[in-house]
C-alpha atoms as a PDB file:
ATOM      1  CA  UNK A   1       0.012   0.074   0.278  1.00  0.00           C
ATOM      2  CA  UNK A   2       1.070   3.274  -0.635  1.00  0.00           C
ATOM      3  CA  UNK A   3       0.414   6.817   0.475  1.00  0.00           C
ATOM      4  CA  UNK A   4      -0.287   9.812  -1.621  1.00  0.00           C
ATOM      5  CA  UNK A   5       3.068  11.268  -1.225  1.00  0.00           C
ATOM      6  CA  UNK A   6       4.293   8.097  -1.656  1.00  0.00           C
ATOM      7  CA  UNK A   7       2.495   7.088  -4.885  1.00  0.00           C
ATOM      8  CA  UNK A   8       3.087  10.762  -6.071  1.00  0.00           C
ATOM      9  CA  UNK A   9       6.923  10.295  -5.975  1.00  0.00           C
ATOM     10  CA  UNK A  10       6.954   7.037  -7.764  1.00  0.00           C
ATOM     11  CA  UNK A  11       4.883   7.990 -10.411  1.00  0.00           C
ATOM     12  CA  UNK A  12       5.093  11.804 -10.852  1.00  0.00           C
ATOM     13  CA  UNK A  13       1.324  12.851 -10.406  1.00  0.00           C
ATOM     14  CA  UNK A  14       1.099  15.136  -8.377  1.00  0.00           C
ATOM     15  CA  UNK A  15      -0.848  14.757  -4.833  1.00  0.00           C
ATOM     16  CA  UNK A  16      -2.947  17.378  -6.398  1.00  0.00           C
ATOM     17  CA  UNK A  17      -3.960  15.496  -9.354  1.00  0.00           C
ATOM     18  CA  UNK A  18      -4.678  12.189  -7.196  1.00  0.00           C
ATOM     19  CA  UNK A  19      -7.051  14.538  -5.315  1.00  0.00           C
ATOM     20  CA  UNK A  20      -8.563  15.182  -8.239  1.00  0.00           C
ATOM     21  CA  UNK A  21      -8.762  12.167  -9.703  1.00  0.00           C
ATOM     22  CA  UNK A  22     -10.910  10.900  -6.629  1.00  0.00           C
ATOM     23  CA  UNK A  23     -13.365  13.696  -6.261  1.00  0.00           C
ATOM     24  CA  UNK A  24     -13.893  13.128  -9.712  1.00  0.00           C
ATOM     25  CA  UNK A  25     -14.494   9.057  -8.797  1.00  0.00           C
ATOM     26  CA  UNK A  26     -11.562   8.066 -11.006  1.00  0.00           C
ATOM     27  CA  UNK A  27      -9.199   6.800  -8.768  1.00  0.00           C
ATOM     28  CA  UNK A  28     -10.537   5.796  -5.109  1.00  0.00           C
ATOM     29  CA  UNK A  29      -7.814   5.041  -2.593  1.00  0.00           C
ATOM     30  CA  UNK A  30      -8.819   3.182   0.404  1.00  0.00           C
ATOM     31  CA  UNK A  31      -8.439   5.314   4.204  1.00  0.00           C
ATOM     32  CA  UNK A  32      -6.161   4.291   7.415  1.00  0.00           C
ATOM     33  CA  UNK A  33      -8.349   3.688   9.879  1.00  0.00           C
ATOM     34  CA  UNK A  34      -5.947   4.864  12.400  1.00  0.00           C
ATOM     35  CA  UNK A  35      -4.981   8.478  11.196  1.00  0.00           C
ATOM     36  CA  UNK A  36      -7.419   8.862   8.064  1.00  0.00           C
ATOM     37  CA  UNK A  37      -4.586   8.805   5.788  1.00  0.00           C
ATOM     38  CA  UNK A  38      -5.224   7.941   1.935  1.00  0.00           C
ATOM     39  CA  UNK A  39      -3.710   4.857   1.071  1.00  0.00           C
ATOM     40  CA  UNK A  40      -3.511   2.911  -2.856  1.00  0.00           C
ATOM     41  CA  UNK A  41      -3.021  -0.519  -3.027  1.00  0.00           C
ATOM     42  CA  UNK A  42      -2.245  -2.412  -6.626  1.00  0.00           C
ATOM     43  CA  UNK A  43      -5.812  -2.248  -8.114  1.00  0.00           C
ATOM     44  CA  UNK A  44      -5.450   1.658  -7.731  1.00  0.00           C
ATOM     45  CA  UNK A  45      -2.356   1.296  -9.040  1.00  0.00           C
ATOM     46  CA  UNK A  46      -3.583  -0.159 -12.313  1.00  0.00           C
ATOM     47  CA  UNK A  47      -6.398   2.294 -12.426  1.00  0.00           C
ATOM     48  CA  UNK A  48      -4.188   5.225 -12.471  1.00  0.00           C
ATOM     49  CA  UNK A  49      -1.752   3.419 -15.337  1.00  0.00           C
ATOM     50  CA  UNK A  50      -4.478   3.170 -17.484  1.00  0.00           C
ATOM     51  CA  UNK A  51      -5.370   6.896 -16.604  1.00  0.00           C
ATOM     52  CA  UNK A  52      -2.338   7.896 -17.576  1.00  0.00           C
ATOM     53  CA  UNK A  53      -2.166   6.043 -21.197  1.00  0.00           C
ATOM     54  CA  UNK A  54      -5.428   7.895 -22.050  1.00  0.00           C
ATOM     55  CA  UNK A  55      -4.723  11.058 -20.808  1.00  0.00           C
ATOM     56  CA  UNK A  56      -1.658  10.768 -22.413  1.00  0.00           C
ATOM     57  CA  UNK A  57      -3.848  10.046 -25.637  1.00  0.00           C
ATOM     58  CA  UNK A  58      -5.580  13.697 -24.916  1.00  0.00           C
ATOM     59  CA  UNK A  59      -8.965  11.650 -24.109  1.00  0.00           C
ATOM     60  CA  UNK A  60     -10.649  14.005 -21.561  1.00  0.00           C
ATOM     61  CA  UNK A  61     -11.240  12.831 -18.157  1.00  0.00           C
ATOM     62  CA  UNK A  62     -15.264  12.140 -18.770  1.00  0.00           C
ATOM     63  CA  UNK A  63     -13.833   9.778 -21.386  1.00  0.00           C
ATOM     64  CA  UNK A  64     -11.959   8.110 -19.519  1.00  0.00           C
ATOM     65  CA  UNK A  65     -14.087   7.587 -17.213  1.00  0.00           C
ATOM     66  CA  UNK A  66     -16.710   6.212 -19.048  1.00  0.00           C
ATOM     67  CA  UNK A  67     -13.959   3.995 -20.603  1.00  0.00           C
ATOM     68  CA  UNK A  68     -12.851   2.657 -17.242  1.00  0.00           C
ATOM     69  CA  UNK A  69     -16.403   2.020 -15.821  1.00  0.00           C
ATOM     70  CA  UNK A  70     -15.897  -1.480 -15.113  1.00  0.00           C
ATOM     71  CA  UNK A  71     -16.558  -4.293 -12.450  1.00  0.00           C
ATOM     72  CA  UNK A  72     -14.024  -4.890  -9.776  1.00  0.00           C
ATOM     73  CA  UNK A  73     -11.039  -6.277 -10.894  1.00  0.00           C
ATOM     74  CA  UNK A  74      -8.464  -8.563  -8.742  1.00  0.00           C
ATOM     75  CA  UNK A  75      -5.230  -6.339  -9.033  1.00  0.00           C
ATOM     76  CA  UNK A  76      -2.573  -9.207  -8.595  1.00  0.00           C
ATOM     77  CA  UNK A  77      -4.213 -11.266 -11.411  1.00  0.00           C
ATOM     78  CA  UNK A  78      -1.874 -11.481 -14.235  1.00  0.00           C
ATOM     79  CA  UNK A  79      -5.347 -12.249 -16.586  1.00  0.00           C
ATOM     80  CA  UNK A  80      -6.693  -8.816 -15.602  1.00  0.00           C
ATOM     81  CA  UNK A  81      -3.211  -6.880 -15.928  1.00  0.00           C
ATOM     82  CA  UNK A  82      -2.879  -8.394 -19.814  1.00  0.00           C
ATOM     83  CA  UNK A  83      -6.514  -7.486 -20.655  1.00  0.00           C
ATOM     84  CA  UNK A  84      -6.071  -4.176 -19.247  1.00  0.00           C
ATOM     85  CA  UNK A  85      -2.773  -3.845 -21.479  1.00  0.00           C
ATOM     86  CA  UNK A  86      -4.671  -5.175 -24.171  1.00  0.00           C
ATOM     87  CA  UNK A  87      -7.769  -3.088 -24.573  1.00  0.00           C
ATOM     88  CA  UNK A  88      -5.264   0.025 -24.185  1.00  0.00           C
ATOM     89  CA  UNK A  89      -3.382  -1.104 -26.761  1.00  0.00           C
ATOM     90  CA  UNK A  90      -6.817  -1.589 -28.696  1.00  0.00           C
ATOM     91  CA  UNK A  91      -7.516   2.397 -27.871  1.00  0.00           C
ATOM     92  CA  UNK A  92      -3.604   3.367 -29.183  1.00  0.00           C
ATOM     93  CA  UNK A  93      -4.186   1.124 -32.410  1.00  0.00           C
ATOM     94  CA  UNK A  94      -7.640   3.189 -32.879  1.00  0.00           C
ATOM     95  CA  UNK A  95      -5.973   6.525 -32.374  1.00  0.00           C
ATOM     96  CA  UNK A  96      -2.545   5.503 -35.027  1.00  0.00           C
ATOM     97  CA  UNK A  97      -5.576   4.337 -37.757  1.00  0.00           C
ATOM     98  CA  UNK A  98      -7.067   7.961 -36.920  1.00  0.00           C
ATOM     99  CA  UNK A  99      -3.466   9.884 -37.287  1.00  0.00           C
ATOM    100  CA  UNK A 100      -2.789   7.810 -40.082  1.00  0.00           C
ATOM    101  CA  UNK A 101      -6.206   8.542 -42.099  1.00  0.00           C
ATOM    102  CA  UNK A 102      -5.323  12.539 -41.486  1.00  0.00           C
ATOM    103  CA  UNK A 103      -1.959  12.287 -42.300  1.00  0.00           C
ATOM    104  CA  UNK A 104      -3.076  10.892 -45.859  1.00  0.00           C
ATOM    105  CA  UNK A 105      -5.788  13.434 -45.872  1.00  0.00           C
ATOM    106  CA  UNK A 106      -3.295  16.625 -45.537  1.00  0.00           C
ATOM    107  CA  UNK A 107      -1.028  14.715 -47.675  1.00  0.00           C
ATOM    108  CA  UNK A 108      -4.111  13.877 -50.597  1.00  0.00           C
ATOM    109  CA  UNK A 109      -4.423  17.949 -49.935  1.00  0.00           C
ATOM    110  CA  UNK A 110      -0.858  18.904 -50.644  1.00  0.00           C
ATOM    111  CA  UNK A 111      -0.819  16.883 -53.769  1.00  0.00           C
ATOM    112  CA  UNK A 112      -4.252  18.293 -55.107  1.00  0.00           C
ATOM    113  CA  UNK A 113      -2.315  22.190 -54.754  1.00  0.00           C
ATOM    114  CA  UNK A 114       0.412  20.821 -56.102  1.00  0.00           C
ATOM    115  CA  UNK A 115      -1.135  19.447 -59.227  1.00  0.00           C
ATOM    116  CA  UNK A 116      -3.174  22.347 -59.859  1.00  0.00           C
ATOM    117  CA  UNK A 117      -1.252  24.830 -58.903  1.00  0.00           C
ATOM    118  CA  UNK A 118      -3.987  26.836 -56.884  1.00  0.00           C
ATOM    119  CA  UNK A 119      -6.080  26.322 -53.813  1.00  0.00           C
ATOM    120  CA  UNK A 120      -9.011  23.970 -54.822  1.00  0.00           C
ATOM    121  CA  UNK A 121     -11.934  24.648 -52.436  1.00  0.00           C
ATOM    122  CA  UNK A 122     -13.547  21.185 -53.786  1.00  0.00           C
ATOM    123  CA  UNK A 123     -10.948  19.271 -51.893  1.00  0.00           C
ATOM    124  CA  UNK A 124     -10.855  21.227 -49.278  1.00  0.00           C
ATOM    125  CA  UNK A 125     -14.670  20.412 -48.506  1.00  0.00           C
ATOM    126  CA  UNK A 126     -13.628  16.710 -49.107  1.00  0.00           C
ATOM    127  CA  UNK A 127     -11.342  16.436 -46.703  1.00  0.00           C
ATOM    128  CA  UNK A 128     -13.897  17.086 -44.314  1.00  0.00           C
ATOM    129  CA  UNK A 129     -16.064  14.958 -45.306  1.00  0.00           C
ATOM    130  CA  UNK A 130     -13.399  12.318 -44.887  1.00  0.00           C
ATOM    131  CA  UNK A 131     -12.386  13.288 -41.601  1.00  0.00           C
ATOM    132  CA  UNK A 132     -16.426  12.627 -40.672  1.00  0.00           C
ATOM    133  CA  UNK A 133     -16.918   9.756 -42.496  1.00  0.00           C
ATOM    134  CA  UNK A 134     -14.918   6.742 -43.401  1.00  0.00           C
ATOM    135  CA  UNK A 135     -13.109   6.370 -46.770  1.00  0.00           C
ATOM    136  CA  UNK A 136     -13.833   3.797 -49.018  1.00  0.00           C
ATOM    137  CA  UNK A 137     -11.175   4.645 -51.656  1.00  0.00           C
ATOM    138  CA  UNK A 138      -8.606   1.921 -49.643  1.00  0.00           C
ATOM    139  CA  UNK A 139     -11.122  -0.641 -49.006  1.00  0.00           C
ATOM    140  CA  UNK A 140     -11.479  -0.623 -53.235  1.00  0.00           C
ATOM    141  CA  UNK A 141      -8.346  -0.543 -53.981  1.00  0.00           C
ATOM    142  CA  UNK A 142      -7.912  -3.866 -51.743  1.00  0.00           C
ATOM    143  CA  UNK A 143     -10.471  -5.624 -53.283  1.00  0.00           C
ATOM    144  CA  UNK A 144      -9.155  -4.926 -56.858  1.00  0.00           C
ATOM    145  CA  UNK A 145      -5.048  -5.344 -56.342  1.00  0.00           C
ATOM    146  CA  UNK A 146      -2.823  -7.770 -54.281  1.00  0.00           C
ATOM    147  CA  UNK A 147      -0.853  -6.996 -51.188  1.00  0.00           C
ATOM    148  CA  UNK A 148       2.227  -6.852 -53.501  1.00  0.00           C
ATOM    149  CA  UNK A 149       0.615  -5.123 -56.505  1.00  0.00           C
ATOM    150  CA  UNK A 150      -0.921  -2.031 -53.615  1.00  0.00           C
ATOM    151  CA  UNK A 151       3.071  -1.736 -52.549  1.00  0.00           C
ATOM    152  CA  UNK A 152       3.584  -0.428 -56.121  1.00  0.00           C
ATOM    153  CA  UNK A 153       0.612   1.906 -56.524  1.00  0.00           C
ATOM    154  CA  UNK A 154       1.781   5.715 -56.656  1.00  0.00           C
ATOM    155  CA  UNK A 155      -1.138   7.059 -55.290  1.00  0.00           C
ATOM    156  CA  UNK A 156      -1.274   4.668 -52.096  1.00  0.00           C
ATOM    157  CA  UNK A 157       0.915   6.861 -49.788  1.00  0.00           C
ATOM    158  CA  UNK A 158       0.822  10.516 -51.015  1.00  0.00           C
ATOM    159  CA  UNK A 159       3.823  11.352 -49.026  1.00  0.00           C
ATOM    160  CA  UNK A 160       5.617   9.197 -51.598  1.00  0.00           C
ATOM    161  CA  UNK A 161       7.706  11.324 -53.755  1.00  0.00           C
ATOM    162  CA  UNK A 162       6.679   9.662 -56.823  1.00  0.00           C
ATOM    163  CA  UNK A 163       3.068  10.445 -55.548  1.00  0.00           C
ATOM    164  CA  UNK A 164       4.051  14.014 -56.195  1.00  0.00           C
ATOM    165  CA  UNK A 165       6.472  13.718 -59.227  1.00  0.00           C
ATOM    166  CA  UNK A 166       3.097  12.461 -60.552  1.00  0.00           C
ATOM    167  CA  UNK A 167       1.232  15.948 -59.221  1.00  0.00           C
ATOM    168  CA  UNK A 168       3.725  17.747 -61.511  1.00  0.00           C
ATOM    169  CA  UNK A 169       3.082  15.484 -64.442  1.00  0.00           C
ATOM    170  CA  UNK A 170      -1.131  16.110 -64.240  1.00  0.00           C
ATOM    171  CA  UNK A 171       0.197  20.047 -63.850  1.00  0.00           C
ATOM    172  CA  UNK A 172       1.682  19.685 -66.892  1.00  0.00           C
ATOM    173  CA  UNK A 173      -0.948  17.546 -68.816  1.00  0.00           C
ATOM    174  CA  UNK A 174      -3.793  20.140 -67.514  1.00  0.00           C
ATOM    175  CA  UNK A 175      -1.766  23.167 -69.016  1.00  0.00           C
ATOM    176  CA  UNK A 176      -1.017  21.351 -72.340  1.00  0.00           C
ATOM    177  CA  UNK A 177      -3.909  19.732 -72.807  1.00  0.00           C
ATOM    178  CA  UNK A 178      -5.393  22.154 -75.433  1.00  0.00           C
ATOM    179  CA  UNK A 179      -2.399  21.104 -77.474  1.00  0.00           C
ATOM    180  CA  UNK A 180      -2.719  18.865 -80.108  1.00  0.00           C
ATOM    181  CA  UNK A 181      -1.630  15.831 -79.248  1.00  0.00           C
ATOM    182  CA  UNK A 182       1.339  15.258 -81.646  1.00  0.00           C
ATOM    183  CA  UNK A 183       3.017  18.910 -80.720  1.00  0.00           C
ATOM    184  CA  UNK A 184       6.345  18.682 -80.011  1.00  0.00           C
ATOM    185  CA  UNK A 185       5.693  19.648 -75.863  1.00  0.00           C
ATOM    186  CA  UNK A 186       3.320  16.829 -75.938  1.00  0.00           C
ATOM    187  CA  UNK A 187       5.286  14.238 -76.872  1.00  0.00           C
ATOM    188  CA  UNK A 188       8.154  15.416 -75.012  1.00  0.00           C
ATOM    189  CA  UNK A 189       5.204  14.815 -72.089  1.00  0.00           C
ATOM    190  CA  UNK A 190       4.461  11.492 -73.274  1.00  0.00           C
ATOM    191  CA  UNK A 191       7.975  10.577 -72.568  1.00  0.00           C
ATOM    192  CA  UNK A 192       8.069  11.551 -69.451  1.00  0.00           C
ATOM    193  CA  UNK A 193       4.946   9.461 -68.804  1.00  0.00           C
ATOM    194  CA  UNK A 194       6.076   6.392 -69.977  1.00  0.00           C
ATOM    195  CA  UNK A 195       9.296   6.761 -68.168  1.00  0.00           C
ATOM    196  CA  UNK A 196       7.257   7.756 -64.725  1.00  0.00           C
ATOM    197  CA  UNK A 197       5.321   4.410 -65.516  1.00  0.00           C
ATOM    198  CA  UNK A 198       8.021   2.032 -66.270  1.00  0.00           C
ATOM    199  CA  UNK A 199       9.715   3.267 -62.797  1.00  0.00           C
ATOM    200  CA  UNK A 200       6.644   3.107 -60.565  1.00  0.00           C
ATOM    201  CA  UNK A 201       5.709  -0.621 -61.768  1.00  0.00           C
ATOM    202  CA  UNK A 202       8.703  -1.643 -62.246  1.00  0.00           C
ATOM    203  CA  UNK A 203       8.263  -2.335 -66.105  1.00  0.00           C
ATOM    204  CA  UNK A 204       4.950  -4.453 -65.302  1.00  0.00           C
ATOM    205  CA  UNK A 205       2.657  -3.392 -68.224  1.00  0.00           C
ATOM    206  CA  UNK A 206      -0.275  -5.786 -66.839  1.00  0.00           C
ATOM    207  CA  UNK A 207       0.196  -3.683 -63.348  1.00  0.00           C
ATOM    208  CA  UNK A 208       0.426  -0.110 -64.915  1.00  0.00           C
ATOM    209  CA  UNK A 209      -2.719  -1.136 -67.578  1.00  0.00           C
ATOM    210  CA  UNK A 210      -4.544  -2.453 -64.624  1.00  0.00           C
ATOM    211  CA  UNK A 211      -3.848   0.244 -62.833  1.00  0.00           C
ATOM    212  CA  UNK A 212      -4.770   2.394 -65.408  1.00  0.00           C
ATOM    213  CA  UNK A 213      -8.541   0.963 -66.040  1.00  0.00           C
ATOM    214  CA  UNK A 214      -8.924   1.279 -62.192  1.00  0.00           C
ATOM    215  CA  UNK A 215      -8.552   5.385 -61.844  1.00  0.00           C
ATOM    216  CA  UNK A 216     -10.568   5.723 -65.158  1.00  0.00           C
ATOM    217  CA  UNK A 217     -13.677   7.657 -63.707  1.00  0.00           C
ATOM    218  CA  UNK A 218     -16.962   5.498 -63.878  1.00  0.00           C
ATOM    219  CA  UNK A 219     -19.447   6.967 -66.353  1.00  0.00           C
ATOM    220  CA  UNK A 220     -21.060  10.111 -65.742  1.00  0.00           C
ATOM    221  CA  UNK A 221     -18.972   9.912 -62.048  1.00  0.00           C
ATOM    222  CA  UNK A 222     -16.426  12.242 -61.159  1.00  0.00           C
ATOM    223  CA  UNK A 223     -12.788  10.930 -60.887  1.00  0.00           C
ATOM    224  CA  UNK A 224     -11.529   8.472 -58.761  1.00  0.00           C
ATOM    225  CA  UNK A 225      -7.790   9.603 -58.349  1.00  0.00           C
ATOM    226  CA  UNK A 226      -8.069  13.782 -58.563  1.00  0.00           C
ATOM    227  CA  UNK A 227      -7.395  15.278 -61.820  1.00  0.00           C
ATOM    228  CA  UNK A 228      -7.517  12.284 -63.390  1.00  0.00           C
ATOM    229  CA  UNK A 229     -11.033  12.956 -65.038  1.00  0.00           C
ATOM    230  CA  UNK A 230     -12.227  11.251 -68.283  1.00  0.00           C
ATOM    231  CA  UNK A 231     -11.056  14.042 -70.318  1.00  0.00           C
ATOM    232  CA  UNK A 232      -7.360  13.893 -68.943  1.00  0.00           C
ATOM    233  CA  UNK A 233      -7.209  10.008 -69.255  1.00  0.00           C
ATOM    234  CA  UNK A 234      -8.283  10.544 -72.557  1.00  0.00           C
ATOM    235  CA  UNK A 235      -5.749  12.870 -73.405  1.00  0.00           C
ATOM    236  CA  UNK A 236      -3.037  11.156 -71.989  1.00  0.00           C
ATOM    237  CA  UNK A 237      -3.634   8.142 -73.909  1.00  0.00           C
ATOM    238  CA  UNK A 238      -3.796   9.921 -77.488  1.00  0.00           C
ATOM    239  CA  UNK A 239      -0.161  11.814 -76.529  1.00  0.00           C
ATOM    240  CA  UNK A 240       1.219   7.941 -75.912  1.00  0.00           C
ATOM    241  CA  UNK A 241      -0.094   6.505 -78.044  1.00  0.00           C
ATOM    242  CA  UNK A 242       1.275   8.729 -80.880  1.00  0.00           C
ATOM    243  CA  UNK A 243       4.505   8.478 -78.981  1.00  0.00           C
ATOM    244  CA  UNK A 244       4.924   4.885 -78.578  1.00  0.00           C
ATOM    245  CA  UNK A 245       3.365   4.562 -82.607  1.00  0.00           C
ATOM    246  CA  UNK A 246       6.650   6.903 -83.305  1.00  0.00           C
ATOM    247  CA  UNK A 247       8.728   4.821 -80.998  1.00  0.00           C
ATOM    248  CA  UNK A 248       7.971   1.556 -83.214  1.00  0.00           C
END
């Protein structure tokens, strides 16, 4: 058993904070019958460890109370400690997933601005929608591509330098799509696109075609990948076809 002072010294949690947790009903020590001092057992230490983890993850104390609102446990039971740690790990993993999602959305928004050369309000609105509603994009890709193929996809991770390189290419396509597809500038762009595809997909023409067909917008629907409208994809197809015809 530990007094307030002892527990504070051992954990770094101030006595004032321990008293506050008691006031909120988060951490309830027993009392010494002789002197009335607060005493903390292993059971309270387990609870304090749980509070510390959740608080560090920026949960509000009211949310922590809801999470920890369970029946009494046996403090020296290894199974109980293991279960408590596993529950905390589950919360940590969920938070990691949420942070990765936000990171992905931030990079994708940055990608869109780099590709278009301007602030895209629709992309910002999409960012907000994605934060409120889980994205279906990754689930769709997982249904179409194998795990090995997913690792090669250029837009699977927007922080990948290859993704940002494609943003630069797309920006050039948007600037040139009014040019004749057989013009010198368009053909130079076609060569760059072919080199990019070869590097990205390790020369796997089948995977390249599979990805190209996957990102093609469904009829009368918006693009699946930012900027890759039907018009843009048709223009890329034309300049690449001309380039490959001349190379052959």
